[in-house]
PDB file of all heavy atoms in Angstrom:
ATOM      1  N   PRO A   1     197.960 254.554 297.545  1.00  0.00           N
ATOM      2  CA  PRO A   1     197.464 255.431 298.606  1.00  0.00           C
ATOM      3  C   PRO A   1     198.591 256.202 299.296  1.00  0.00           C
ATOM      4  O   PRO A   1     198.426 257.377 299.638  1.00  0.00           O
ATOM      5  CB  PRO A   1     196.775 254.466 299.567  1.00  0.00           C
ATOM      6  CG  PRO A   1     196.332 253.331 298.694  1.00  0.00           C
ATOM      7  CD  PRO A   1     197.425 253.185 297.678  1.00  0.00           C
ATOM      8  N   ALA A   2     199.746 255.555 299.461  1.00  0.00           N
ATOM      9  CA  ALA A   2     200.880 256.222 300.113  1.00  0.00           C
ATOM     10  C   ALA A   2     201.372 257.397 299.274  1.00  0.00           C
ATOM     11  O   ALA A   2     201.747 258.448 299.801  1.00  0.00           O
ATOM     12  CB  ALA A   2     202.007 255.223 300.340  1.00  0.00           C
ATOM     13  N   GLU A   3     201.354 257.244 297.952  1.00  0.00           N
ATOM     14  CA  GLU A   3     201.758 258.342 297.072  1.00  0.00           C
ATOM     15  C   GLU A   3     200.710 259.450 297.076  1.00  0.00           C
ATOM     16  O   GLU A   3     201.041 260.639 297.155  1.00  0.00           O
ATOM     17  CB  GLU A   3     201.958 257.820 295.652  1.00  0.00           C
ATOM     18  CG  GLU A   3     203.165 256.914 295.492  1.00  0.00           C
ATOM     19  CD  GLU A   3     203.217 256.248 294.130  1.00  0.00           C
ATOM     20  OE1 GLU A   3     202.149 256.063 293.502  1.00  0.00           O
ATOM     21  OE2 GLU A   3     204.325 255.909 293.689  1.00  0.00           O
ATOM     22  N   SER A   4     199.450 259.066 297.013  1.00  0.00           N
ATOM     23  CA  SER A   4     198.375 260.056 296.943  1.00  0.00           C
ATOM     24  C   SER A   4     198.299 260.906 298.201  1.00  0.00           C
ATOM     25  O   SER A   4     197.966 262.092 298.134  1.00  0.00           O
ATOM     26  CB  SER A   4     197.032 259.354 296.715  1.00  0.00           C
ATOM     27  OG  SER A   4     196.980 258.777 295.428  1.00  0.00           O
ATOM     28  N   ARG A   5     198.632 260.330 299.357  1.00  0.00           N
ATOM     29  CA  ARG A   5     198.503 261.112 300.587  1.00  0.00           C
ATOM     30  C   ARG A   5     199.499 262.266 300.655  1.00  0.00           C
ATOM     31  O   ARG A   5     199.323 263.183 301.450  1.00  0.00           O
ATOM     32  CB  ARG A   5     198.621 260.222 301.825  1.00  0.00           C
ATOM     33  CG  ARG A   5     199.956 259.557 302.071  1.00  0.00           C
ATOM     34  CD  ARG A   5     199.885 258.720 303.348  1.00  0.00           C
ATOM     35  NE  ARG A   5     199.756 259.566 304.522  1.00  0.00           N
ATOM     36  CZ  ARG A   5     200.786 259.942 305.292  1.00  0.00           C
ATOM     37  NH1 ARG A   5     202.005 259.523 305.034  1.00  0.00           N
ATOM     38  NH2 ARG A   5     200.592 260.700 306.341  1.00  0.00           N
ATOM     39  N   ARG A   6     200.518 262.251 299.785  1.00  0.00           N
ATOM     40  CA  ARG A   6     201.417 263.403 299.721  1.00  0.00           C
ATOM     41  C   ARG A   6     200.682 264.653 299.243  1.00  0.00           C
ATOM     42  O   ARG A   6     201.135 265.770 299.483  1.00  0.00           O
ATOM     43  CB  ARG A   6     202.598 263.106 298.778  1.00  0.00           C
ATOM     44  CG  ARG A   6     203.561 262.044 299.268  1.00  0.00           C
ATOM     45  CD  ARG A   6     204.893 262.127 298.524  1.00  0.00           C
ATOM     46  NE  ARG A   6     204.747 261.879 297.098  1.00  0.00           N
ATOM     47  CZ  ARG A   6     205.119 260.747 296.491  1.00  0.00           C
ATOM     48  NH1 ARG A   6     205.644 259.757 297.194  1.00  0.00           N
ATOM     49  NH2 ARG A   6     204.956 260.607 295.191  1.00  0.00           N
ATOM     50  N   ALA A   7     199.574 264.431 298.535  1.00  0.00           N
ATOM     51  CA  ALA A   7     198.807 265.560 298.025  1.00  0.00           C
ATOM     52  C   ALA A   7     197.630 265.927 298.926  1.00  0.00           C
ATOM     53  O   ALA A   7     196.834 266.794 298.582  1.00  0.00           O
ATOM     54  CB  ALA A   7     198.287 265.246 296.622  1.00  0.00           C
ATOM     55  N   LEU A   8     197.524 265.277 300.076  1.00  0.00           N
ATOM     56  CA  LEU A   8     196.414 265.538 300.986  1.00  0.00           C
ATOM     57  C   LEU A   8     196.813 266.483 302.112  1.00  0.00           C
ATOM     58  O   LEU A   8     197.945 266.449 302.610  1.00  0.00           O
ATOM     59  CB  LEU A   8     195.908 264.233 301.601  1.00  0.00           C
ATOM     60  CG  LEU A   8     195.009 263.341 300.753  1.00  0.00           C
ATOM     61  CD1 LEU A   8     194.682 262.069 301.512  1.00  0.00           C
ATOM     62  CD2 LEU A   8     193.724 264.060 300.351  1.00  0.00           C
ATOM     63  N   ALA A   9     195.846 267.281 302.536  1.00  0.00           N
ATOM     64  CA  ALA A   9     196.028 268.104 303.733  1.00  0.00           C
ATOM     65  C   ALA A   9     196.136 267.188 304.942  1.00  0.00           C
ATOM     66  O   ALA A   9     195.841 265.987 304.873  1.00  0.00           O
ATOM     67  CB  ALA A   9     194.853 269.059 303.886  1.00  0.00           C
ATOM     68  N   HIS A  10     196.550 267.765 306.074  1.00  0.00           N
ATOM     69  CA  HIS A  10     196.793 266.972 307.286  1.00  0.00           C
ATOM     70  C   HIS A  10     195.584 266.120 307.653  1.00  0.00           C
ATOM     71  O   HIS A  10     195.731 264.970 308.075  1.00  0.00           O
ATOM     72  CB  HIS A  10     197.161 267.902 308.446  1.00  0.00           C
ATOM     73  CG  HIS A  10     197.440 267.183 309.726  1.00  0.00           C
ATOM     74  ND1 HIS A  10     198.490 266.300 309.865  1.00  0.00           N
ATOM     75  CD2 HIS A  10     196.787 267.208 310.930  1.00  0.00           C
ATOM     76  CE1 HIS A  10     198.485 265.811 311.098  1.00  0.00           C
ATOM     77  NE2 HIS A  10     197.467 266.348 311.764  1.00  0.00           N
ATOM     78  N   ARG A  11     194.395 266.681 307.515  1.00  0.00           N
ATOM     79  CA  ARG A  11     193.166 265.940 307.812  1.00  0.00           C
ATOM     80  C   ARG A  11     192.359 265.672 306.539  1.00  0.00           C
ATOM     81  O   ARG A  11     191.141 265.576 306.570  1.00  0.00           O
ATOM     82  CB  ARG A  11     192.310 266.724 308.813  1.00  0.00           C
ATOM     83  CG  ARG A  11     192.949 266.877 310.184  1.00  0.00           C
ATOM     84  CD  ARG A  11     193.023 265.545 310.894  1.00  0.00           C
ATOM     85  NE  ARG A  11     193.630 265.659 312.227  1.00  0.00           N
ATOM     86  CZ  ARG A  11     193.868 264.625 313.033  1.00  0.00           C
ATOM     87  NH1 ARG A  11     193.524 263.397 312.632  1.00  0.00           N
ATOM     88  NH2 ARG A  11     194.422 264.790 314.205  1.00  0.00           N
ATOM     89  N   GLY A  12     193.037 265.552 305.433  1.00  0.00           N
ATOM     90  CA  GLY A  12     192.366 265.356 304.163  1.00  0.00           C
ATOM     91  C   GLY A  12     191.762 263.968 304.016  1.00  0.00           C
ATOM     92  O   GLY A  12     192.041 263.057 304.794  1.00  0.00           O
ATOM     93  N   ILE A  13     190.930 263.833 302.990  1.00  0.00           N
ATOM     94  CA  ILE A  13     190.237 262.570 302.734  1.00  0.00           C
ATOM     95  C   ILE A  13     190.536 262.086 301.320  1.00  0.00           C
ATOM     96  O   ILE A  13     190.360 262.821 300.345  1.00  0.00           O
ATOM     97  CB  ILE A  13     188.704 262.730 302.901  1.00  0.00           C
ATOM     98  CG1 ILE A  13     188.365 263.186 304.333  1.00  0.00           C
ATOM     99  CG2 ILE A  13     187.987 261.419 302.576  1.00  0.00           C
ATOM    100  CD1 ILE A  13     186.882 263.492 304.531  1.00  0.00           C
ATOM    101  N   LEU A  14     190.993 260.851 301.218  1.00  0.00           N
ATOM    102  CA  LEU A  14     191.189 260.189 299.928  1.00  0.00           C
ATOM    103  C   LEU A  14     190.026 259.240 299.701  1.00  0.00           C
ATOM    104  O   LEU A  14     189.773 258.343 300.519  1.00  0.00           O
ATOM    105  CB  LEU A  14     192.501 259.402 299.908  1.00  0.00           C
ATOM    106  CG  LEU A  14     192.697 258.426 298.728  1.00  0.00           C
ATOM    107  CD1 LEU A  14     192.793 259.185 297.415  1.00  0.00           C
ATOM    108  CD2 LEU A  14     193.923 257.548 298.926  1.00  0.00           C
ATOM    109  N   VAL A  15     189.306 259.433 298.608  1.00  0.00           N
ATOM    110  CA  VAL A  15     188.208 258.538 298.245  1.00  0.00           C
ATOM    111  C   VAL A  15     188.665 257.715 297.050  1.00  0.00           C
ATOM    112  O   VAL A  15     188.822 258.237 295.944  1.00  0.00           O
ATOM    113  CB  VAL A  15     186.925 259.321 297.895  1.00  0.00           C
ATOM    114  CG1 VAL A  15     185.791 258.347 297.577  1.00  0.00           C
ATOM    115  CG2 VAL A  15     186.527 260.236 299.043  1.00  0.00           C
ATOM    116  N   GLY A  16     188.915 256.445 297.277  1.00  0.00           N
ATOM    117  CA  GLY A  16     189.380 255.553 296.223  1.00  0.00           C
ATOM    118  C   GLY A  16     188.203 254.945 295.477  1.00  0.00           C
ATOM    119  O   GLY A  16     187.551 254.031 295.993  1.00  0.00           O
ATOM    120  N   ALA A  17     187.912 255.462 294.290  1.00  0.00           N
ATOM    121  CA  ALA A  17     186.773 254.979 293.503  1.00  0.00           C
ATOM    122  C   ALA A  17     187.219 254.351 292.197  1.00  0.00           C
ATOM    123  O   ALA A  17     186.400 254.137 291.304  1.00  0.00           O
ATOM    124  CB  ALA A  17     185.811 256.133 293.235  1.00  0.00           C
ATOM    125  N   ALA A  18     188.513 254.063 292.067  1.00  0.00           N
ATOM    126  CA  ALA A  18     189.032 253.472 290.823  1.00  0.00           C
ATOM    127  C   ALA A  18     188.956 251.950 290.890  1.00  0.00           C
ATOM    128  O   ALA A  18     189.054 251.368 291.974  1.00  0.00           O
ATOM    129  CB  ALA A  18     190.484 253.902 290.619  1.00  0.00           C
ATOM    130  N   PRO A  19     188.768 251.293 289.737  1.00  0.00           N
ATOM    131  CA  PRO A  19     188.839 249.835 289.721  1.00  0.00           C
ATOM    132  C   PRO A  19     190.209 249.385 290.207  1.00  0.00           C
ATOM    133  O   PRO A  19     191.235 249.868 289.728  1.00  0.00           O
ATOM    134  CB  PRO A  19     188.638 249.481 288.237  1.00  0.00           C
ATOM    135  CG  PRO A  19     187.988 250.684 287.639  1.00  0.00           C
ATOM    136  CD  PRO A  19     188.524 251.849 288.403  1.00  0.00           C
ATOM    137  N   THR A  20     190.231 248.486 291.188  1.00  0.00           N
ATOM    138  CA  THR A  20     191.490 248.028 291.750  1.00  0.00           C
ATOM    139  C   THR A  20     192.127 246.996 290.832  1.00  0.00           C
ATOM    140  O   THR A  20     191.456 246.093 290.336  1.00  0.00           O
ATOM    141  CB  THR A  20     191.269 247.406 293.140  1.00  0.00           C
ATOM    142  OG1 THR A  20     190.545 248.342 293.940  1.00  0.00           O
ATOM    143  CG2 THR A  20     192.592 247.088 293.808  1.00  0.00           C
ATOM    144  N   LYS A  21     193.410 247.125 290.589  1.00  0.00           N
ATOM    145  CA  LYS A  21     194.108 246.192 289.710  1.00  0.00           C
ATOM    146  C   LYS A  21     194.230 244.828 290.373  1.00  0.00           C
ATOM    147  O   LYS A  21     194.310 244.704 291.580  1.00  0.00           O
ATOM    148  CB  LYS A  21     195.486 246.753 289.347  1.00  0.00           C
ATOM    149  CG  LYS A  21     195.399 248.036 288.512  1.00  0.00           C
ATOM    150  CD  LYS A  21     196.770 248.590 288.222  1.00  0.00           C
ATOM    151  CE  LYS A  21     196.680 249.780 287.272  1.00  0.00           C
ATOM    152  NZ  LYS A  21     195.844 250.855 287.786  1.00  0.00           N
ATOM    153  N   GLY A  22     194.270 243.807 289.535  1.00  0.00           N
ATOM    154  CA  GLY A  22     194.365 242.444 290.046  1.00  0.00           C
ATOM    155  C   GLY A  22     193.137 241.654 289.627  1.00  0.00           C
ATOM    156  O   GLY A  22     192.010 242.111 289.817  1.00  0.00           O
ATOM    157  N   GLN A  23     193.337 240.470 289.064  1.00  0.00           N
ATOM    158  CA  GLN A  23     192.227 239.695 288.536  1.00  0.00           C
ATOM    159  C   GLN A  23     191.563 238.794 289.570  1.00  0.00           C
ATOM    160  O   GLN A  23     190.459 238.308 289.353  1.00  0.00           O
ATOM    161  CB  GLN A  23     192.712 238.828 287.362  1.00  0.00           C
ATOM    162  CG  GLN A  23     193.404 239.585 286.251  1.00  0.00           C
ATOM    163  CD  GLN A  23     192.485 240.585 285.575  1.00  0.00           C
ATOM    164  OE1 GLN A  23     191.296 240.621 285.826  1.00  0.00           O
ATOM    165  NE2 GLN A  23     193.054 241.428 284.726  1.00  0.00           N
ATOM    166  N   TRP A  24     192.219 238.596 290.719  1.00  0.00           N
ATOM    167  CA  TRP A  24     191.668 237.683 291.711  1.00  0.00           C
ATOM    168  C   TRP A  24     191.126 238.449 292.908  1.00  0.00           C
ATOM    169  O   TRP A  24     189.981 238.848 292.944  1.00  0.00           O
ATOM    170  CB  TRP A  24     192.729 236.649 292.133  1.00  0.00           C
ATOM    171  CG  TRP A  24     193.069 235.711 291.022  1.00  0.00           C
ATOM    172  CD1 TRP A  24     194.066 235.829 290.092  1.00  0.00           C
ATOM    173  CD2 TRP A  24     192.352 234.529 290.669  1.00  0.00           C
ATOM    174  NE1 TRP A  24     194.024 234.794 289.198  1.00  0.00           N
ATOM    175  CE2 TRP A  24     192.995 233.969 289.525  1.00  0.00           C
ATOM    176  CE3 TRP A  24     191.247 233.869 291.219  1.00  0.00           C
ATOM    177  CZ2 TRP A  24     192.558 232.796 288.937  1.00  0.00           C
ATOM    178  CZ3 TRP A  24     190.809 232.701 290.616  1.00  0.00           C
ATOM    179  CH2 TRP A  24     191.465 232.169 289.494  1.00  0.00           C
ATOM    180  N   ALA A  25     191.968 238.698 293.893  1.00  0.00           N
ATOM    181  CA  ALA A  25     191.498 239.364 295.111  1.00  0.00           C
ATOM    182  C   ALA A  25     191.922 240.823 295.160  1.00  0.00           C
ATOM    183  O   ALA A  25     191.931 241.436 296.219  1.00  0.00           O
ATOM    184  CB  ALA A  25     192.030 238.621 296.349  1.00  0.00           C
ATOM    185  N   GLY A  26     192.256 241.391 294.001  1.00  0.00           N
ATOM    186  CA  GLY A  26     192.718 242.772 293.943  1.00  0.00           C
ATOM    187  C   GLY A  26     191.826 243.754 294.658  1.00  0.00           C
ATOM    188  O   GLY A  26     192.290 244.570 295.470  1.00  0.00           O
ATOM    189  N   PRO A  27     190.499 243.740 294.414  1.00  0.00           N
ATOM    190  CA  PRO A  27     189.627 244.695 295.087  1.00  0.00           C
ATOM    191  C   PRO A  27     189.655 244.571 296.593  1.00  0.00           C
ATOM    192  O   PRO A  27     189.652 245.580 297.310  1.00  0.00           O
ATOM    193  CB  PRO A  27     188.249 244.339 294.518  1.00  0.00           C
ATOM    194  CG  PRO A  27     188.534 243.715 293.200  1.00  0.00           C
ATOM    195  CD  PRO A  27     189.806 242.956 293.398  1.00  0.00           C
ATOM    196  N   VAL A  28     189.664 243.339 297.103  1.00  0.00           N
ATOM    197  CA  VAL A  28     189.680 243.129 298.550  1.00  0.00           C
ATOM    198  C   VAL A  28     190.983 243.652 299.147  1.00  0.00           C
ATOM    199  O   VAL A  28     190.987 244.335 300.181  1.00  0.00           O
ATOM    200  CB  VAL A  28     189.496 241.633 298.886  1.00  0.00           C
ATOM    201  CG1 VAL A  28     189.628 241.406 300.386  1.00  0.00           C
ATOM    202  CG2 VAL A  28     188.160 241.139 298.374  1.00  0.00           C
ATOM    203  N   ILE A  29     192.099 243.340 298.500  1.00  0.00           N
ATOM    204  CA  ILE A  29     193.401 243.808 298.987  1.00  0.00           C
ATOM    205  C   ILE A  29     193.462 245.327 298.961  1.00  0.00           C
ATOM    206  O   ILE A  29     193.972 245.962 299.891  1.00  0.00           O
ATOM    207  CB  ILE A  29     194.533 243.193 298.136  1.00  0.00           C
ATOM    208  CG1 ILE A  29     194.581 241.681 298.337  1.00  0.00           C
ATOM    209  CG2 ILE A  29     195.876 243.823 298.503  1.00  0.00           C
ATOM    210  CD1 ILE A  29     195.527 240.958 297.416  1.00  0.00           C
ATOM    211  N   GLY A  30     192.909 245.927 297.904  1.00  0.00           N
ATOM    212  CA  GLY A  30     192.904 247.382 297.810  1.00  0.00           C
ATOM    213  C   GLY A  30     192.147 248.030 298.950  1.00  0.00           C
ATOM    214  O   GLY A  30     192.593 249.023 299.532  1.00  0.00           O
ATOM    215  N   VAL A  31     190.990 247.487 299.291  1.00  0.00           N
ATOM    216  CA  VAL A  31     190.190 248.016 300.395  1.00  0.00           C
ATOM    217  C   VAL A  31     190.932 247.856 301.718  1.00  0.00           C
ATOM    218  O   VAL A  31     190.966 248.777 302.546  1.00  0.00           O
ATOM    219  CB  VAL A  31     188.818 247.307 300.458  1.00  0.00           C
ATOM    220  CG1 VAL A  31     188.080 247.690 301.741  1.00  0.00           C
ATOM    221  CG2 VAL A  31     187.979 247.665 299.242  1.00  0.00           C
ATOM    222  N   LEU A  32     191.551 246.699 301.905  1.00  0.00           N
ATOM    223  CA  LEU A  32     192.292 246.453 303.153  1.00  0.00           C
ATOM    224  C   LEU A  32     193.457 247.426 303.305  1.00  0.00           C
ATOM    225  O   LEU A  32     193.737 247.916 304.407  1.00  0.00           O
ATOM    226  CB  LEU A  32     192.802 245.006 303.188  1.00  0.00           C
ATOM    227  CG  LEU A  32     191.730 243.929 303.359  1.00  0.00           C
ATOM    228  CD1 LEU A  32     192.359 242.545 303.258  1.00  0.00           C
ATOM    229  CD2 LEU A  32     191.020 244.086 304.701  1.00  0.00           C
ATOM    230  N   LYS A  33     194.141 247.746 302.209  1.00  0.00           N
ATOM    231  CA  LYS A  33     195.247 248.696 302.265  1.00  0.00           C
ATOM    232  C   LYS A  33     194.764 250.062 302.739  1.00  0.00           C
ATOM    233  O   LYS A  33     195.417 250.719 303.557  1.00  0.00           O
ATOM    234  CB  LYS A  33     195.914 248.823 300.891  1.00  0.00           C
ATOM    235  CG  LYS A  33     196.802 247.648 300.507  1.00  0.00           C
ATOM    236  CD  LYS A  33     197.429 247.889 299.142  1.00  0.00           C
ATOM    237  CE  LYS A  33     198.355 246.739 298.748  1.00  0.00           C
ATOM    238  NZ  LYS A  33     198.956 246.963 297.399  1.00  0.00           N
ATOM    239  N   LEU A  34     193.627 250.496 302.214  1.00  0.00           N
ATOM    240  CA  LEU A  34     193.084 251.791 302.617  1.00  0.00           C
ATOM    241  C   LEU A  34     192.688 251.791 304.090  1.00  0.00           C
ATOM    242  O   LEU A  34     192.934 252.764 304.808  1.00  0.00           O
ATOM    243  CB  LEU A  34     191.872 252.146 301.750  1.00  0.00           C
ATOM    244  CG  LEU A  34     192.158 252.504 300.297  1.00  0.00           C
ATOM    245  CD1 LEU A  34     190.863 252.698 299.531  1.00  0.00           C
ATOM    246  CD2 LEU A  34     193.000 253.771 300.201  1.00  0.00           C
ATOM    247  N   ILE A  35     192.080 250.699 304.540  1.00  0.00           N
ATOM    248  CA  ILE A  35     191.664 250.612 305.949  1.00  0.00           C
ATOM    249  C   ILE A  35     192.869 250.666 306.875  1.00  0.00           C
ATOM    250  O   ILE A  35     192.896 251.412 307.862  1.00  0.00           O
ATOM    251  CB  ILE A  35     190.863 249.314 306.190  1.00  0.00           C
ATOM    252  CG1 ILE A  35     189.513 249.386 305.453  1.00  0.00           C
ATOM    253  CG2 ILE A  35     190.642 249.087 307.686  1.00  0.00           C
ATOM    254  CD1 ILE A  35     188.733 248.091 305.497  1.00  0.00           C
ATOM    255  N   VAL A  36     193.894 249.882 306.555  1.00  0.00           N
ATOM    256  CA  VAL A  36     195.092 249.839 307.399  1.00  0.00           C
ATOM    257  C   VAL A  36     195.805 251.186 307.414  1.00  0.00           C
ATOM    258  O   VAL A  36     196.174 251.708 308.480  1.00  0.00           O
ATOM    259  CB  VAL A  36     196.048 248.718 306.925  1.00  0.00           C
ATOM    260  CG1 VAL A  36     197.386 248.811 307.660  1.00  0.00           C
ATOM    261  CG2 VAL A  36     195.419 247.349 307.140  1.00  0.00           C
ATOM    262  N   LEU A  37     195.998 251.773 306.243  1.00  0.00           N
ATOM    263  CA  LEU A  37     196.707 253.048 306.161  1.00  0.00           C
ATOM    264  C   LEU A  37     195.942 254.152 306.883  1.00  0.00           C
ATOM    265  O   LEU A  37     196.539 254.997 307.561  1.00  0.00           O
ATOM    266  CB  LEU A  37     196.922 253.423 304.693  1.00  0.00           C
ATOM    267  CG  LEU A  37     197.797 254.666 304.431  1.00  0.00           C
ATOM    268  CD1 LEU A  37     199.189 254.475 305.020  1.00  0.00           C
ATOM    269  CD2 LEU A  37     197.896 254.944 302.932  1.00  0.00           C
ATOM    270  N   SER A  38     194.623 254.127 306.761  1.00  0.00           N
ATOM    271  CA  SER A  38     193.804 255.161 307.397  1.00  0.00           C
ATOM    272  C   SER A  38     193.952 255.152 308.909  1.00  0.00           C
ATOM    273  O   SER A  38     193.782 256.179 309.570  1.00  0.00           O
ATOM    274  CB  SER A  38     192.332 254.980 307.006  1.00  0.00           C
ATOM    275  OG  SER A  38     191.561 256.074 307.420  1.00  0.00           O
ATOM    276  N   ARG A  39     194.293 253.997 309.469  1.00  0.00           N
ATOM    277  CA  ARG A  39     194.403 253.881 310.928  1.00  0.00           C
ATOM    278  C   ARG A  39     195.751 254.349 311.470  1.00  0.00           C
ATOM    279  O   ARG A  39     195.895 254.535 312.681  1.00  0.00           O
ATOM    280  CB  ARG A  39     194.145 252.431 311.352  1.00  0.00           C
ATOM    281  CG  ARG A  39     192.703 252.000 311.120  1.00  0.00           C
ATOM    282  CD  ARG A  39     192.433 250.617 311.664  1.00  0.00           C
ATOM    283  NE  ARG A  39     191.017 250.273 311.539  1.00  0.00           N
ATOM    284  CZ  ARG A  39     190.477 249.147 311.990  1.00  0.00           C
ATOM    285  NH1 ARG A  39     191.240 248.251 312.600  1.00  0.00           N
ATOM    286  NH2 ARG A  39     189.187 248.912 311.824  1.00  0.00           N
ATOM    287  N   ILE A  40     196.710 254.531 310.578  1.00  0.00           N
ATOM    288  CA  ILE A  40     198.041 254.901 311.080  1.00  0.00           C
ATOM    289  C   ILE A  40     198.504 256.271 310.599  1.00  0.00           C
ATOM    290  O   ILE A  40     199.607 256.690 310.918  1.00  0.00           O
ATOM    291  CB  ILE A  40     199.086 253.830 310.694  1.00  0.00           C
ATOM    292  CG1 ILE A  40     199.187 253.692 309.169  1.00  0.00           C
ATOM    293  CG2 ILE A  40     198.759 252.502 311.348  1.00  0.00           C
ATOM    294  CD1 ILE A  40     200.261 252.710 308.719  1.00  0.00           C
ATOM    295  N   VAL A  41     197.658 256.954 309.816  1.00  0.00           N
ATOM    296  CA  VAL A  41     198.006 258.291 309.344  1.00  0.00           C
ATOM    297  C   VAL A  41     196.908 259.264 309.755  1.00  0.00           C
ATOM    298  O   VAL A  41     195.819 258.860 310.165  1.00  0.00           O
ATOM    299  CB  VAL A  41     198.206 258.329 307.810  1.00  0.00           C
ATOM    300  CG1 VAL A  41     199.344 257.421 307.397  1.00  0.00           C
ATOM    301  CG2 VAL A  41     196.920 257.967 307.084  1.00  0.00           C
ATOM    302  N   SER A  42     197.189 260.552 309.629  1.00  0.00           N
ATOM    303  CA  SER A  42     196.217 261.566 310.040  1.00  0.00           C
ATOM    304  C   SER A  42     195.084 261.721 309.030  1.00  0.00           C
ATOM    305  O   SER A  42     193.987 262.161 309.375  1.00  0.00           O
ATOM    306  CB  SER A  42     196.918 262.912 310.219  1.00  0.00           C
ATOM    307  OG  SER A  42     197.498 263.346 308.994  1.00  0.00           O
ATOM    308  N   GLN A  43     195.338 261.339 307.767  1.00  0.00           N
ATOM    309  CA  GLN A  43     194.300 261.469 306.749  1.00  0.00           C
ATOM    310  C   GLN A  43     193.331 260.280 306.792  1.00  0.00           C
ATOM    311  O   GLN A  43     193.636 259.230 307.350  1.00  0.00           O
ATOM    312  CB  GLN A  43     194.928 261.548 305.355  1.00  0.00           C
ATOM    313  CG  GLN A  43     195.768 262.787 305.135  1.00  0.00           C
ATOM    314  CD  GLN A  43     197.253 262.485 305.204  1.00  0.00           C
ATOM    315  OE1 GLN A  43     197.674 261.501 305.828  1.00  0.00           O
ATOM    316  NE2 GLN A  43     198.061 263.324 304.575  1.00  0.00           N
ATOM    317  N   THR A  44     192.178 260.474 306.186  1.00  0.00           N
ATOM    318  CA  THR A  44     191.168 259.421 306.074  1.00  0.00           C
ATOM    319  C   THR A  44     191.243 258.802 304.682  1.00  0.00           C
ATOM    320  O   THR A  44     191.266 259.518 303.680  1.00  0.00           O
ATOM    321  CB  THR A  44     189.757 259.995 306.300  1.00  0.00           C
ATOM    322  OG1 THR A  44     189.691 260.566 307.612  1.00  0.00           O
ATOM    323  CG2 THR A  44     188.701 258.907 306.185  1.00  0.00           C
TER     324      THR A  44
END
């Protein structure tokens, strides 16, 4: 997400619809990363 936001406009939106890597809690960790990052940057 940190790399992708370089390609976003100031108020742009990143929609993460890819299968999250990791065989155990990968999907949960992926969602949490997006939630945390969204709260500290201008993009959604």
